Amino acid sequence: MQVEDKTRLLGKIDINSLIQTFGKIQTDEVIVTDERIRHIIERHPQYYKLFLEYGVFAVTNPDYIIKDGKCDGIIFMIKRLIDTNINVVVRVAL
């Protein structure tokens, strides 16, 4: 039996700037699943605390938004911090 991952609202993004690049976007809500949280903990444990502290800020007030050149509908939302950057990878629902 497979257990369904729960989702949590991470924040809302300003989709107006993304519409020019992607066209119609289904929602301005950015969610994070339990599976993605596990991914961060397992693959990027050194960044988990930063994600908890600044993840919402990275999607609601990013310094940079970069379109992924390899994967359609993927953007990187980057927030500059004093000693590092936090990168939140977002799949845009088209």
C-alpha atoms as a PDB file:
ATOM      1  CA  MET A   1       0.000   0.000   0.000  1.00  0.00           C
ATOM      2  CA  GLN A   2       1.455   3.362  -1.046  1.00  0.00           C
ATOM      3  CA  VAL A   3       0.946   6.291   1.295  1.00  0.00           C
ATOM      4  CA  GLU A   4       0.103   9.573  -0.413  1.00  0.00           C
ATOM      5  CA  ASP A   5       2.438  12.468   0.302  1.00  0.00           C
ATOM      6  CA  LYS A   6       0.954  15.442   2.059  1.00  0.00           C
ATOM      7  CA  THR A   7       1.438  18.884   0.577  1.00  0.00           C
ATOM      8  CA  ARG A   8       2.015  22.143   2.370  1.00  0.00           C
ATOM      9  CA  LEU A   9       1.679  25.668   1.063  1.00  0.00           C
ATOM     10  CA  LEU A  10       5.133  27.215   0.863  1.00  0.00           C
ATOM     11  CA  GLY A  11       3.991  30.604  -0.402  1.00  0.00           C
ATOM     12  CA  LYS A  12       2.423  32.498  -3.277  1.00  0.00           C
ATOM     13  CA  ILE A  13       4.356  33.860  -6.228  1.00  0.00           C
ATOM     14  CA  ASP A  14       3.735  36.810  -8.501  1.00  0.00           C
ATOM     15  CA  ILE A  15       2.756  34.975 -11.684  1.00  0.00           C
ATOM     16  CA  ASN A  16       2.436  38.133 -13.796  1.00  0.00           C
ATOM     17  CA  SER A  17       6.141  38.160 -14.618  1.00  0.00           C
ATOM     18  CA  LEU A  18       6.055  34.443 -15.483  1.00  0.00           C
ATOM     19  CA  ILE A  19       3.054  34.587 -17.831  1.00  0.00           C
ATOM     20  CA  GLN A  20       5.120  36.223 -20.585  1.00  0.00           C
ATOM     21  CA  THR A  21       7.499  33.256 -20.554  1.00  0.00           C
ATOM     22  CA  PHE A  22       5.152  30.351 -19.816  1.00  0.00           C
ATOM     23  CA  GLY A  23       1.688  31.498 -20.876  1.00  0.00           C
ATOM     24  CA  LYS A  24      -1.299  30.714 -18.683  1.00  0.00           C
ATOM     25  CA  ILE A  25      -0.317  29.436 -15.234  1.00  0.00           C
ATOM     26  CA  GLN A  26      -2.843  27.461 -13.178  1.00  0.00           C
ATOM     27  CA  THR A  27      -2.064  28.876  -9.745  1.00  0.00           C
ATOM     28  CA  ASP A  28       0.101  31.268  -7.809  1.00  0.00           C
ATOM     29  CA  GLU A  29       0.503  28.794  -4.939  1.00  0.00           C
ATOM     30  CA  VAL A  30       3.809  27.023  -4.423  1.00  0.00           C
ATOM     31  CA  ILE A  31       3.439  23.773  -2.512  1.00  0.00           C
ATOM     32  CA  VAL A  32       6.033  21.438  -1.112  1.00  0.00           C
ATOM     33  CA  THR A  33       5.385  17.717  -0.699  1.00  0.00           C
ATOM     34  CA  ASP A  34       6.642  15.401   2.019  1.00  0.00           C
ATOM     35  CA  GLU A  35       8.641  13.641  -0.706  1.00  0.00           C
ATOM     36  CA  ARG A  36      10.493  16.883  -1.578  1.00  0.00           C
ATOM     37  CA  ILE A  37      11.179  17.522   2.118  1.00  0.00           C
ATOM     38  CA  ARG A  38      12.664  14.014   2.378  1.00  0.00           C
ATOM     39  CA  HIS A  39      14.728  14.733  -0.756  1.00  0.00           C
ATOM     40  CA  ILE A  40      16.200  17.872   0.827  1.00  0.00           C
ATOM     41  CA  ILE A  41      16.957  16.076   4.103  1.00  0.00           C
ATOM     42  CA  GLU A  42      18.567  13.068   2.369  1.00  0.00           C
ATOM     43  CA  ARG A  43      20.399  14.742  -0.527  1.00  0.00           C
ATOM     44  CA  HIS A  44      21.054  18.262   0.760  1.00  0.00           C
ATOM     45  CA  PRO A  45      21.031  17.989   4.575  1.00  0.00           C
ATOM     46  CA  GLN A  46      23.303  21.000   4.975  1.00  0.00           C
ATOM     47  CA  TYR A  47      20.599  23.179   3.340  1.00  0.00           C
ATOM     48  CA  TYR A  48      17.530  21.875   5.165  1.00  0.00           C
ATOM     49  CA  LYS A  49      17.762  24.459   7.965  1.00  0.00           C
ATOM     50  CA  LEU A  50      18.147  27.240   5.366  1.00  0.00           C
ATOM     51  CA  PHE A  51      15.111  25.912   3.498  1.00  0.00           C
ATOM     52  CA  LEU A  52      13.019  25.959   6.672  1.00  0.00           C
ATOM     53  CA  GLU A  53      14.122  29.466   7.532  1.00  0.00           C
ATOM     54  CA  TYR A  54      14.185  31.107   4.084  1.00  0.00           C
ATOM     55  CA  GLY A  55      12.210  28.884   1.670  1.00  0.00           C
ATOM     56  CA  VAL A  56       9.041  30.955   1.913  1.00  0.00           C
ATOM     57  CA  PHE A  57      11.009  34.174   1.468  1.00  0.00           C
ATOM     58  CA  ALA A  58      12.766  32.718  -1.597  1.00  0.00           C
ATOM     59  CA  VAL A  59       9.464  32.127  -3.407  1.00  0.00           C
ATOM     60  CA  THR A  60       7.597  35.205  -2.209  1.00  0.00           C
ATOM     61  CA  ASN A  61      10.466  37.669  -2.646  1.00  0.00           C
ATOM     62  CA  PRO A  62      13.204  36.145  -4.839  1.00  0.00           C
ATOM     63  CA  ASP A  63      16.197  38.145  -6.002  1.00  0.00           C
ATOM     64  CA  TYR A  64      16.387  36.143  -9.227  1.00  0.00           C
ATOM     65  CA  ILE A  65      14.071  33.890 -11.210  1.00  0.00           C
ATOM     66  CA  ILE A  66      15.854  31.755 -13.782  1.00  0.00           C
ATOM     67  CA  LYS A  67      14.147  29.478 -16.309  1.00  0.00           C
ATOM     68  CA  ASP A  68      15.637  25.989 -16.512  1.00  0.00           C
ATOM     69  CA  GLY A  69      17.007  25.533 -20.031  1.00  0.00           C
ATOM     70  CA  LYS A  70      16.726  21.733 -19.876  1.00  0.00           C
ATOM     71  CA  CYS A  71      13.313  21.098 -18.323  1.00  0.00           C
ATOM     72  CA  ASP A  72      10.091  22.746 -19.462  1.00  0.00           C
ATOM     73  CA  GLY A  73       8.046  24.442 -16.775  1.00  0.00           C
ATOM     74  CA  ILE A  74      10.880  24.551 -14.224  1.00  0.00           C
ATOM     75  CA  ILE A  75      12.236  27.730 -12.679  1.00  0.00           C
ATOM     76  CA  PHE A  76      14.840  28.437 -10.037  1.00  0.00           C
ATOM     77  CA  MET A  77      13.836  31.050  -7.478  1.00  0.00           C
ATOM     78  CA  ILE A  78      16.953  32.383  -5.811  1.00  0.00           C
ATOM     79  CA  LYS A  79      17.265  34.465  -2.667  1.00  0.00           C
ATOM     80  CA  ARG A  80      20.638  35.961  -1.833  1.00  0.00           C
ATOM     81  CA  LEU A  81      21.677  35.553   1.781  1.00  0.00           C
ATOM     82  CA  ILE A  82      24.726  36.990   3.529  1.00  0.00           C
ATOM     83  CA  ASP A  83      26.994  33.943   3.235  1.00  0.00           C
ATOM     84  CA  THR A  84      25.206  31.943   0.536  1.00  0.00           C
ATOM     85  CA  ASN A  85      22.139  31.763  -1.683  1.00  0.00           C
ATOM     86  CA  ILE A  86      19.053  29.638  -1.266  1.00  0.00           C
ATOM     87  CA  ASN A  87      17.744  28.112  -4.489  1.00  0.00           C
ATOM     88  CA  VAL A  88      14.189  26.812  -4.590  1.00  0.00           C
ATOM     89  CA  VAL A  89      13.323  24.754  -7.654  1.00  0.00           C
ATOM     90  CA  VAL A  90       9.687  25.286  -8.673  1.00  0.00           C
ATOM     91  CA  ARG A  91       7.679  23.373 -11.258  1.00  0.00           C
ATOM     92  CA  VAL A  92       5.183  25.793 -12.798  1.00  0.00           C
ATOM     93  CA  ALA A  93       1.720  24.253 -13.349  1.00  0.00           C
ATOM     94  CA  LEU A  94       0.718  25.223 -16.882  1.00  0.00           C
END
